Structures are given as structure tokens and as C-alpha cells.
Amino acid sequence: MATIKFPIVFSVVCLFLLCNGSLAQLLSQSTSQWQSSRRGSPRECRFDRLQAFEPIRTVRSQAGTTEFFDVSNELFQCTGVSVVRRVIEPRGLLLPHYSNGATLVYVIQGRGITGPTFPGCPETYQQQFQQSEQDQQLEGQSQSHKFRDEHQKIHRFQQGDVVALPAGVAHWCYNDGDAPIVAIYVTDIYNSANQLDPRHRDFFLAGNNKIGQQLYRYEARDNSKNVFGGFSVELLSEALGISSGVARQLQCQNDQRGEIVRVEHGLSLLQPYASLQEQQQEQVQSRDYGQTQYQQKQLQGSCSNGLDETFCTMRVRQNIDNPNLADTYNPRAGRITYLNGQKFPILNLVQMSAVKVNLYQNALLSPFWNINAHSVVYITQGRARVQVVNNNGKTVFDGELRRGQLLIIPQHHVVIKKAQREGCSYIALKTNPDSMVSHMAGKNS
């Protein structure tokens, strides 16, 4: 009777497990776009009438303003999103804080620095990268300086960037430019990371938030303290190993400057000199634009195998305004750029995505609906005529959106958008990292 050698059996078993593991990974990737861990609304929702929103309340801080949209409205509560627009003046610092929901920030204007703090990650880290031929020809530079860069975990952003902020991750923002920063913050309250009630809550680690948590009409509290303010001075000083005087300073009992404070002499930071790496990456993306999807996956490694980006070195910002990176372009109509979890891996963590649309004069976007996400549309430039239809064939919105206005488009509702004479640009922030749309006409239908 013939016997089978152990190495052959072992090889067959390993091959079987490998094939099954690969198949399971492919199946999970193919179904993840259709499935979502996001919670639905706990209430019965009626999307019979949509409306354009503008901020209903503006609160002034020392170095900026915070503008609140009416999240007590049924549309915000049913879709589970909270929207805030912030203006940060030059040398203005948005104090460190974290939220109970994942947030996407779109920078409408200005530039600055942000510093998210991921738990368990060092305050500084070293990053290795390959240099260009021009850098290798530089004289008088040691080998260690050529290949290693030690710097703080700060991220520079500019107009057109999307910044991803996971729930519970503390962050701050500083304006080191000459013009105000204007940014729109969209927070997904129904994100699975939020295990509190479906309300937007900001937890500040410094200052006193005189805005309070007045995001809901029935929740009006002024002069909210930072999280240190609720502890006793004795226990806080003992826990942090600091003096009672320093503990009182952390509590900021008499600070009335608000959530955005002015740094009179500027903020001095140890900034990475090797931002050249990010520039090279963007140049590669621009140069490779127009290649096939398969080639892009080979170059960028779009398969999520856990080795592409570690948690501590994860990119938190990505520009969506670069015309060279547009996914759809029509020289007579405009361009569309998608930012999803494959292009921007941190979106898989925050469970959101973004789409930037630029329509030329009188350009028309064919009817479509969002398959697996709600969409928060914010007009950044120009005006557009918009119509939205529900499942009963009823028009639930028919009007014009202008710059600074916001429209929430629920999942599966069909929408048509047409730019007016001056054209139109808008950002759509969606509640799924791999949001998909279905068009009723055109080559994508």
C-alpha cells in the first residue's frame, strides 16, 4: 500500500488554507461596499420635504468663530450627522479636543497645521523613505540624514484638503498662514464607534468652551468646562504628578476666550523638513493619472493587507481639489473626484468618504441615487438648481443652492443637479467609506 509523505500532506494543507483565506478576503472586500456597520435612526423618519440649511447660530471666540447648523432639525437627526463651520483667524489655535463621532473636515480656505494624537503612538517617530536622484547628489549630508527623518506627528493642510478625524482621537488646529481658515466639519453620530446617545459631544482638553454643548435646542449650557475642570485639584495634581497651581491652570476656571484662542507670538513647532516625501507621492499620483485601475492598484497597493499603513503613521489628510487627480472629466461639463477607503485608507476607520464636483456653466449632472450612504452636500462656489425625488415619485426638494448652503440628500433618493451661469462647485461628504452611486443615464448607467 502506498504511503503519502508528510511534507506533501503538509504542503497540500497549507495550500488549501491559503486559498480559502484568499477567497474569504476577496469575498469580504466585495461585500464590504454593500454592507455598513453604521446604526440606523432609532426613530421613524419622514423625508417628505428637504430644505437648504445655513448656520443658525454664530459664537465668537477670541481668534475665530464657530457656526452651528440646526441639528435639532429632523433631517439631521434621521441621517445622524452634525455639521459645524469654523473660521480660524491667523495665529488662531483651535484647542485640543475629541468628539464622540467620526468627523470629516473639508478645508474651504486657508492653510495650517493639525496634530491628531493616536493612543499608544509615540510623540515623535522616525520615518524612512527613498530619496530622489537629486537628493542623493547633495554633498555634505550624512547617510543618516539622507534616509531618516525624526519629527513630530503634525500634518500640514491647505485649501481643498479633506482631513479625517476618528472618534475619540484628540486633535488641535493652528493657523500659521496670513488668511483665515474656513472649514466645514461633518460628524457621523450614528457611526458604530459612538456608543453614547445620538448627540454630538465635544470633549475639550484645554480652555473653557463658552459655546457649551448647545447643539440641540433643549440642551442649553453655557461656559462648559474642559474635562480637567470636573476633577478635584488635589486628586488631579496627584494623578498627573504636578503642583496644585499647575492643576488649577489646567482647569482654566476663569478662561473666557472660547474654543479658538490667539497665540500672540506665534506657535513654535518642530516641523518635519522631509515634507518632500509627501510632495513626491503627490507628483507620482499626478504622473500616473490616466493609467488603468489595475496599474494604479499595483503602484499604490490598494489591497488592504495590514502592512500598507500602520496605525501610528496613518495619513489623515488628502487633497481632493487637484484637477490632475479627477476620476471623471468632461472638457465641456466639468470634473468629479472621489475619495474613498481605497485611495485614503483612514476612511475605512472613520467609515466616511468624500466627493468633489466642479460643474461648468449650465452643466448638468445626470440623475443618480446614493446606493449605500446619506450625502451632505455643501456648496463652495457658484449656484446650482437641484431637484430631489423620493420613493413615491414626489419632489421633496426643488430649489437653488448657493455658496455656503447645505443640503442633506437621504440614501436612495434620486437627485438632479444643474449649474447656473457662474458654474458650481460642491463637496459631498458621505456616511460610507466606499460610497457608490447609480446613474439613470450616461455611460455609468
Protein backbone atom coordinates (compact mmCIF):
# COMPACT_ATOMS: atom_id res chain seq x y z
CA MET A 1 0.00 0.00 0.00
CA ALA A 2 1.42 3.36 -0.99
CA THR A 3 2.10 5.90 1.70
CA ILE A 4 1.95 9.66 1.39
CA LYS A 5 4.91 11.52 2.77
CA PHE A 6 4.27 14.09 5.49
CA PRO A 7 5.85 17.08 3.61
CA ILE A 8 3.41 16.54 0.73
CA VAL A 9 0.41 16.42 3.05
CA PHE A 10 1.64 19.50 4.88
CA SER A 11 2.07 21.40 1.61
CA VAL A 12 -1.42 20.45 0.43
CA VAL A 13 -2.97 21.58 3.73
CA CYS A 14 -1.11 24.90 3.63
CA LEU A 15 -2.19 25.48 0.04
CA PHE A 16 -5.80 24.71 0.96
CA LEU A 17 -5.74 27.14 3.88
CA LEU A 18 -4.08 29.82 1.78
CA CYS A 19 -6.67 29.53 -0.97
CA ASN A 20 -9.55 29.62 1.49
CA GLY A 21 -8.05 32.62 3.26
CA SER A 22 -7.59 34.48 -0.01
CA LEU A 23 -11.12 33.62 -1.08
CA ALA A 24 -12.52 34.83 2.22
CA GLN A 25 -10.58 38.07 1.90
CA LEU A 26 -11.88 38.64 -1.63
CA LEU A 27 -15.43 37.92 -0.57
CA SER A 28 -15.16 40.25 2.40
CA GLN A 29 -13.78 43.02 0.20
CA SER A 30 -16.50 42.57 -2.39
CA THR A 31 -19.32 42.66 0.17
CA SER A 32 -17.90 45.40 2.40
CA GLN A 33 -19.01 48.09 -0.06
CA TRP A 34 -22.61 46.95 0.24
CA GLN A 35 -22.63 46.43 4.00
CA SER A 36 -22.21 49.02 6.72
CA SER A 37 -21.80 48.80 10.47
CA ARG A 38 -23.47 52.19 10.80
CA ARG A 39 -26.53 52.34 13.05
CA GLY A 40 -29.85 53.44 11.62
CA SER A 41 -32.09 56.10 13.07
CA PRO A 42 -33.89 54.99 16.27
CA ARG A 43 -36.96 56.97 15.19
CA GLU A 44 -39.38 56.82 12.30
CA CYS A 45 -38.25 59.31 9.70
CA ARG A 46 -40.22 61.12 7.03
CA PHE A 47 -38.21 62.65 4.23
CA ASP A 48 -41.23 64.32 2.67
CA ARG A 49 -39.65 67.74 2.50
CA LEU A 50 -35.96 68.59 2.28
CA GLN A 51 -34.56 72.07 2.75
CA ALA A 52 -31.37 74.04 2.29
CA PHE A 53 -29.59 74.86 5.54
CA GLU A 54 -27.46 77.76 6.67
CA PRO A 55 -25.88 78.27 10.11
CA ILE A 56 -28.46 79.39 12.68
CA ARG A 57 -26.04 80.48 15.39
CA THR A 58 -22.57 82.01 15.37
CA VAL A 59 -20.46 82.04 18.53
CA ARG A 60 -17.41 84.26 18.75
CA SER A 61 -14.15 83.08 20.32
CA GLN A 62 -11.00 85.12 20.84
CA ALA A 63 -9.49 84.18 17.45
CA GLY A 64 -12.35 82.87 15.37
CA THR A 65 -15.98 81.89 15.10
CA THR A 66 -17.96 78.66 15.28
CA GLU A 67 -21.15 78.46 13.23
CA PHE A 68 -23.77 75.84 14.08
CA PHE A 69 -26.34 74.31 11.78
CA ASP A 70 -29.73 73.35 13.20
CA VAL A 71 -29.04 69.73 14.14
CA SER A 72 -32.33 69.61 16.04
CA ASN A 73 -34.00 69.50 12.62
CA GLU A 74 -35.47 66.12 11.72
CA LEU A 75 -33.22 65.73 8.67
CA PHE A 76 -30.06 65.93 10.79
CA GLN A 77 -31.44 63.59 13.43
CA CYS A 78 -32.69 61.00 10.95
CA THR A 79 -29.47 60.88 8.94
CA GLY A 80 -27.31 61.04 12.07
CA VAL A 81 -24.97 63.83 11.03
CA SER A 82 -23.85 67.00 12.78
CA VAL A 83 -22.38 69.95 10.87
CA VAL A 84 -20.26 72.86 12.13
CA ARG A 85 -18.41 75.55 10.18
CA ARG A 86 -15.35 77.11 11.79
CA VAL A 87 -13.35 80.21 10.92
CA ILE A 88 -9.87 80.34 12.49
CA GLU A 89 -8.03 83.64 12.20
CA PRO A 90 -4.24 83.90 11.63
CA ARG A 91 -2.34 82.76 14.76
CA GLY A 92 -5.57 81.21 15.98
CA LEU A 93 -5.43 77.86 17.79
CA LEU A 94 -8.40 75.52 17.98
CA LEU A 95 -7.85 73.96 21.40
CA PRO A 96 -7.28 70.19 21.76
CA HIS A 97 -10.49 68.19 21.90
CA TYR A 98 -12.09 64.97 20.72
CA SER A 99 -15.60 64.00 19.67
CA ASN A 100 -17.86 61.02 20.16
CA GLY A 101 -18.33 60.61 16.41
CA ALA A 102 -16.05 60.24 13.40
CA THR A 103 -15.52 63.52 11.54
CA LEU A 104 -14.51 64.60 8.06
CA VAL A 105 -13.21 68.14 7.64
CA TYR A 106 -13.11 69.92 4.29
CA VAL A 107 -10.83 72.97 4.12
CA ILE A 108 -12.65 75.61 2.10
CA GLN A 109 -10.00 78.29 2.53
CA GLY A 110 -6.61 78.81 4.14
CA ARG A 111 -3.80 76.60 5.37
CA GLY A 112 -2.49 75.45 8.71
CA ILE A 113 -1.29 72.60 10.92
CA THR A 114 -3.18 69.92 12.79
CA GLY A 115 -1.93 67.44 15.35
CA PRO A 116 -4.09 64.36 15.98
CA THR A 117 -2.92 62.16 18.85
CA PHE A 118 -3.47 58.45 18.31
CA PRO A 119 -3.42 56.39 21.52
CA GLY A 120 -0.34 54.23 22.05
CA CYS A 121 1.75 56.10 19.48
CA PRO A 122 4.96 57.98 20.40
CA GLU A 123 5.08 61.76 20.39
CA THR A 124 7.86 61.65 17.80
CA TYR A 125 8.77 59.00 15.29
CA GLN A 126 11.23 58.24 12.56
CA GLN A 127 10.22 57.69 9.00
CA GLN A 128 12.29 56.03 6.32
CA PHE A 129 11.93 56.88 2.67
CA GLN A 130 13.81 56.62 -0.56
CA GLN A 131 15.32 59.74 -1.97
CA SER A 132 15.31 61.07 -5.45
CA GLU A 133 18.49 61.12 -7.52
CA GLN A 134 18.79 64.85 -6.99
CA ASP A 135 18.81 64.45 -3.21
CA GLN A 136 21.42 61.69 -3.38
CA GLN A 137 23.77 64.04 -5.21
CA LEU A 138 23.73 66.59 -2.40
CA GLU A 139 27.14 66.94 -0.79
CA GLY A 140 27.94 67.33 2.86
CA GLN A 141 24.95 65.33 4.05
CA SER A 142 25.38 62.25 6.21
CA GLN A 143 23.83 58.91 5.36
CA SER A 144 21.59 59.01 8.43
CA HIS A 145 20.10 62.33 7.41
CA LYS A 146 19.50 61.06 3.90
CA PHE A 147 17.27 58.18 4.85
CA ARG A 148 15.71 59.06 8.20
CA ASP A 149 13.54 61.90 9.37
CA GLU A 150 12.60 62.35 13.01
CA HIS A 151 9.71 64.70 13.58
CA GLN A 152 6.53 65.40 15.47
CA LYS A 153 3.20 63.95 14.41
CA ILE A 154 1.84 67.07 12.80
CA HIS A 155 0.12 67.35 9.46
CA ARG A 156 0.10 70.43 7.26
CA PHE A 157 -3.13 71.06 5.37
CA GLN A 158 -4.27 73.55 2.76
CA GLN A 159 -7.30 74.59 0.76
CA GLY A 160 -9.01 71.62 -0.84
CA ASP A 161 -7.80 69.07 1.71
CA VAL A 162 -10.03 66.52 3.40
CA VAL A 163 -8.92 65.77 6.98
CA ALA A 164 -10.17 62.57 8.65
CA LEU A 165 -10.60 62.53 12.44
CA PRO A 166 -11.61 59.19 14.03
CA ALA A 167 -13.95 59.23 17.01
CA GLY A 168 -12.20 59.72 20.33
CA VAL A 169 -8.91 60.92 18.81
CA ALA A 170 -7.75 64.22 20.32
CA HIS A 171 -6.59 66.89 17.89
CA TRP A 172 -5.84 70.58 17.61
CA CYS A 173 -5.57 73.01 14.70
CA TYR A 174 -3.37 76.09 14.25
CA ASN A 175 -3.49 78.76 11.56
CA ASP A 176 0.08 79.70 10.63
CA GLY A 177 -0.97 81.44 7.42
CA ASP A 178 -1.92 85.00 6.55
CA ALA A 179 -5.59 84.35 5.73
CA PRO A 180 -8.40 82.89 7.85
CA ILE A 181 -9.05 79.16 7.73
CA VAL A 182 -12.62 78.31 6.77
CA ALA A 183 -13.56 74.65 7.20
CA ILE A 184 -16.73 72.57 7.31
CA TYR A 185 -16.91 69.75 9.89
CA VAL A 186 -19.31 66.85 9.28
CA THR A 187 -19.59 64.36 12.15
CA ASP A 188 -21.29 60.98 11.81
CA ILE A 189 -23.15 60.46 15.09
CA TYR A 190 -24.59 57.08 14.03
CA ASN A 191 -21.10 55.74 13.44
CA SER A 192 -20.55 52.43 15.21
CA ALA A 193 -17.68 53.99 17.18
CA ASN A 194 -20.19 56.14 19.10
CA GLN A 195 -21.76 54.12 21.91
CA LEU A 196 -23.26 57.17 23.61
CA ASP A 197 -26.61 58.69 22.73
CA PRO A 198 -27.02 60.12 19.21
CA ARG A 199 -25.84 63.63 20.05
CA HIS A 200 -22.65 65.38 19.04
CA ARG A 201 -20.41 65.83 22.08
CA ASP A 202 -17.03 67.60 22.09
CA PHE A 203 -14.66 66.86 24.98
CA PHE A 204 -12.16 69.71 25.37
CA LEU A 205 -8.75 69.15 26.97
CA ALA A 206 -7.95 72.83 27.43
CA GLY A 207 -9.67 76.18 27.89
CA ASN A 208 -13.33 76.74 28.63
CA ASN A 209 -15.82 76.15 25.87
CA LYS A 210 -18.20 79.07 26.36
CA ILE A 211 -20.22 77.70 23.46
CA GLY A 212 -21.24 74.82 25.66
CA GLN A 213 -22.90 71.84 24.01
CA GLN A 214 -25.76 73.91 22.64
CA LEU A 215 -26.22 71.81 19.56
CA TYR A 216 -29.78 70.94 20.49
CA ARG A 217 -32.42 73.46 21.42
CA TYR A 218 -33.30 71.57 24.57
CA GLU A 219 -29.67 71.37 25.66
CA ALA A 220 -28.51 74.89 26.53
CA ARG A 221 -25.46 75.04 28.74
CA ASP A 222 -23.05 77.94 28.77
CA ASN A 223 -19.45 78.09 29.93
CA SER A 224 -18.78 74.37 29.73
CA LYS A 225 -15.52 73.37 31.38
CA ASN A 226 -12.80 71.23 29.90
CA VAL A 227 -12.53 67.66 31.15
CA PHE A 228 -9.98 68.61 33.83
CA GLY A 229 -12.44 71.04 35.37
CA GLY A 230 -14.56 68.27 36.86
CA PHE A 231 -11.76 66.77 38.96
CA SER A 232 -10.69 67.98 42.36
CA VAL A 233 -7.40 69.89 42.39
CA GLU A 234 -5.85 67.51 44.92
CA LEU A 235 -6.68 64.34 43.02
CA LEU A 236 -5.71 65.84 39.66
CA SER A 237 -2.32 67.05 40.89
CA GLU A 238 -1.61 63.66 42.46
CA ALA A 239 -2.64 61.71 39.35
CA LEU A 240 -0.56 63.83 36.95
CA GLY A 241 2.35 64.45 39.30
CA ILE A 242 2.02 68.23 39.12
CA SER A 243 1.59 71.01 41.64
CA SER A 244 -1.80 72.31 42.73
CA GLY A 245 -1.12 75.58 40.91
CA VAL A 246 -0.49 73.83 37.61
CA ALA A 247 -3.60 71.70 38.16
CA ARG A 248 -5.69 74.86 38.56
CA GLN A 249 -4.19 76.24 35.35
CA LEU A 250 -5.23 73.07 33.51
CA GLN A 251 -8.79 73.56 34.71
CA CYS A 252 -8.91 77.10 33.23
CA GLN A 253 -11.68 78.14 35.60
CA ASN A 254 -11.73 81.82 34.56
CA ASP A 255 -10.80 81.47 30.89
CA GLN A 256 -13.43 83.16 28.72
CA ARG A 257 -11.60 83.06 25.38
CA GLY A 258 -13.65 80.22 23.93
CA GLU A 259 -12.50 77.23 21.90
CA ILE A 260 -10.30 79.23 19.47
CA VAL A 261 -7.56 81.25 21.20
CA ARG A 262 -4.93 83.58 19.79
CA VAL A 263 -1.23 82.73 20.12
CA GLU A 264 0.17 86.24 20.37
CA HIS A 265 3.76 85.45 19.40
CA GLY A 266 3.00 82.52 17.13
CA LEU A 267 3.29 78.80 17.76
CA SER A 268 6.79 77.34 17.52
CA LEU A 269 6.84 73.72 16.39
CA LEU A 270 9.45 71.18 15.40
CA GLN A 271 8.23 70.63 11.87
CA PRO A 272 9.42 67.83 9.55
CA TYR A 273 11.95 69.03 6.99
CA ALA A 274 11.23 65.98 4.86
CA SER A 275 7.82 67.04 3.67
CA LEU A 276 9.47 66.36 0.30
CA GLN A 277 8.24 62.78 0.62
CA GLU A 278 4.60 63.84 0.53
CA GLN A 279 5.32 66.09 -2.42
CA GLN A 280 6.95 63.20 -4.26
CA GLN A 281 3.94 60.99 -3.55
CA GLU A 282 1.55 63.60 -4.92
CA GLN A 283 3.75 64.01 -8.01
CA VAL A 284 3.69 60.26 -8.58
CA GLN A 285 -0.10 60.23 -8.28
CA SER A 286 -0.35 63.10 -10.75
CA ARG A 287 2.08 61.46 -13.19
CA ASP A 288 0.26 58.14 -13.03
CA TYR A 289 -3.13 59.69 -13.65
CA GLY A 290 -4.76 58.15 -16.70
CA GLN A 291 -3.36 54.65 -16.18
CA THR A 292 -5.67 51.71 -15.81
CA GLN A 293 -7.19 50.79 -12.47
CA TYR A 294 -5.13 47.61 -12.37
CA GLN A 295 -1.88 49.52 -12.82
CA GLN A 296 -2.84 52.02 -10.14
CA LYS A 297 -3.51 49.20 -7.70
CA GLN A 298 -0.10 47.73 -8.45
CA LEU A 299 1.64 51.07 -7.85
CA GLN A 300 -0.34 52.24 -4.84
CA GLY A 301 -1.03 48.88 -3.21
CA SER A 302 -4.76 49.41 -2.79
CA CYS A 303 -5.32 45.95 -1.25
CA SER A 304 -5.72 46.29 2.49
CA ASN A 305 -3.28 43.73 3.90
CA GLY A 306 -2.49 45.50 7.17
CA LEU A 307 1.05 46.42 6.09
CA ASP A 308 0.37 49.41 3.83
CA GLU A 309 -0.11 51.94 6.60
CA THR A 310 0.43 51.39 10.30
CA PHE A 311 -1.91 53.00 12.76
CA CYS A 312 0.66 55.48 14.07
CA THR A 313 1.85 56.71 10.67
CA MET A 314 -1.56 56.83 9.02
CA ARG A 315 -2.19 59.81 6.74
CA VAL A 316 -5.02 61.99 7.98
CA ARG A 317 -5.31 64.44 5.08
CA GLN A 318 -5.70 64.16 1.31
CA ASN A 319 -6.28 66.85 -1.29
CA ILE A 320 -9.42 66.44 -3.37
CA ASP A 321 -9.20 69.66 -5.43
CA ASN A 322 -6.24 68.72 -7.65
CA PRO A 323 -7.57 68.65 -11.24
CA ASN A 324 -4.93 66.08 -12.22
CA LEU A 325 -6.46 63.55 -9.83
CA ALA A 326 -10.02 63.81 -11.15
CA ASP A 327 -11.75 60.47 -11.76
CA THR A 328 -14.22 61.83 -14.32
CA TYR A 329 -13.52 64.75 -16.64
CA ASN A 330 -15.51 66.35 -19.43
CA PRO A 331 -13.93 69.43 -21.04
CA ARG A 332 -17.39 70.91 -21.65
CA ALA A 333 -19.07 69.96 -18.36
CA GLY A 334 -16.57 69.67 -15.51
CA ARG A 335 -14.87 67.08 -13.32
CA ILE A 336 -15.58 64.74 -10.40
CA THR A 337 -13.08 63.44 -7.84
CA TYR A 338 -13.85 60.55 -5.50
CA LEU A 339 -12.08 59.98 -2.18
CA ASN A 340 -12.85 56.58 -0.68
CA GLY A 341 -11.30 53.96 1.57
CA GLN A 342 -9.12 52.56 -1.22
CA LYS A 343 -7.47 55.88 -2.04
CA PHE A 344 -7.41 57.17 1.54
CA PRO A 345 -7.17 54.20 3.97
CA ILE A 346 -8.08 56.10 7.13
CA LEU A 347 -11.59 56.49 5.71
CA ASN A 348 -12.09 52.79 6.46
CA LEU A 349 -11.60 53.72 10.11
CA VAL A 350 -13.91 56.74 10.15
CA GLN A 351 -16.44 54.99 7.85
CA MET A 352 -16.99 58.06 5.65
CA SER A 353 -15.99 59.27 2.18
CA ALA A 354 -16.00 62.43 0.07
CA VAL A 355 -16.77 63.54 -3.48
CA LYS A 356 -15.76 66.88 -5.01
CA VAL A 357 -17.76 68.06 -8.04
CA ASN A 358 -16.90 71.03 -10.27
CA LEU A 359 -19.56 71.87 -12.85
CA TYR A 360 -19.03 74.43 -15.59
CA GLN A 361 -21.61 76.95 -16.77
CA ASN A 362 -25.05 75.33 -17.26
CA ALA A 363 -23.55 71.83 -16.93
CA LEU A 364 -25.98 69.10 -15.92
CA LEU A 365 -25.25 66.11 -13.69
CA SER A 366 -27.40 63.18 -14.82
CA PRO A 367 -29.95 61.72 -12.36
CA PHE A 368 -28.45 59.37 -9.77
CA TRP A 369 -29.01 58.00 -6.29
CA ASN A 370 -26.68 57.02 -3.45
CA ILE A 371 -26.75 53.25 -3.02
CA ASN A 372 -25.21 52.86 0.43
CA ALA A 373 -24.90 56.26 2.10
CA HIS A 374 -26.50 59.55 3.04
CA SER A 375 -24.89 62.59 1.41
CA VAL A 376 -24.21 66.00 2.94
CA VAL A 377 -23.78 68.47 0.06
CA TYR A 378 -22.11 71.83 0.76
CA ILE A 379 -21.82 74.47 -1.98
CA THR A 380 -18.34 76.02 -2.06
CA GLN A 381 -18.71 78.20 -5.18
CA GLY A 382 -21.43 79.34 -7.53
CA ARG A 383 -25.07 78.22 -7.65
CA ALA A 384 -26.94 75.11 -8.73
CA ARG A 385 -30.53 74.11 -9.44
CA VAL A 386 -31.30 70.90 -7.54
CA GLN A 387 -34.28 68.55 -7.60
CA VAL A 388 -34.69 65.51 -5.30
CA VAL A 389 -37.39 62.82 -5.66
CA ASN A 390 -38.41 60.20 -3.08
CA ASN A 391 -39.66 56.61 -3.43
CA ASN A 392 -43.22 57.76 -4.20
CA GLY A 393 -42.11 59.87 -7.14
CA LYS A 394 -42.76 63.03 -5.13
CA THR A 395 -40.49 66.05 -5.43
CA VAL A 396 -39.13 66.62 -1.93
CA PHE A 397 -36.76 69.43 -2.94
CA ASP A 398 -36.83 71.81 -5.89
CA GLY A 399 -34.73 74.90 -5.48
CA GLU A 400 -31.46 76.69 -5.91
CA LEU A 401 -28.41 76.13 -3.73
CA ARG A 402 -25.89 78.93 -3.40
CA ARG A 403 -22.47 79.26 -1.83
CA GLY A 404 -22.45 78.47 1.89
CA GLN A 405 -25.68 76.45 1.84
CA LEU A 406 -26.02 72.80 2.74
CA LEU A 407 -28.41 70.09 1.58
CA ILE A 408 -28.82 66.60 3.07
CA ILE A 409 -29.74 64.00 0.45
CA PRO A 410 -31.02 60.76 2.02
CA GLN A 411 -29.99 57.35 0.77
CA HIS A 412 -31.75 56.08 -2.40
CA HIS A 413 -33.34 59.47 -3.19
CA VAL A 414 -32.86 60.44 -6.84
CA VAL A 415 -31.24 63.81 -7.49
CA ILE A 416 -30.53 66.07 -10.50
CA LYS A 417 -28.10 69.00 -10.31
CA LYS A 418 -27.57 71.73 -12.87
CA ALA A 419 -25.03 74.51 -12.54
CA GLN A 420 -26.16 78.07 -13.14
CA ARG A 421 -24.45 80.72 -15.27
CA GLU A 422 -21.44 81.12 -12.95
CA GLY A 423 -20.91 77.37 -12.61
CA CYS A 424 -20.95 75.43 -9.37
CA SER A 425 -18.56 73.56 -7.07
CA TYR A 426 -19.58 71.46 -4.11
CA ILE A 427 -18.25 68.89 -1.67
CA ALA A 428 -20.36 65.86 -0.76
CA LEU A 429 -19.44 64.08 2.48
CA LYS A 430 -20.98 60.62 2.75
CA THR A 431 -21.64 58.12 5.52
CA ASN A 432 -19.85 55.14 3.97
CA PRO A 433 -16.12 54.70 3.24
CA ASP A 434 -16.88 53.16 -0.16
CA SER A 435 -19.97 55.07 -1.15
CA MET A 436 -21.49 54.17 -4.51
CA VAL A 437 -23.96 55.90 -6.81
CA SER A 438 -26.18 54.58 -9.58
CA HIS A 439 -26.82 56.81 -12.60
CA MET A 440 -30.01 56.67 -14.66
CA ALA A 441 -28.34 57.90 -17.85
CA GLY A 442 -24.91 58.09 -19.39
CA LYS A 443 -22.07 55.59 -19.71
CA ASN A 444 -22.17 54.74 -15.99
CA SER A 445 -25.87 53.85 -16.00
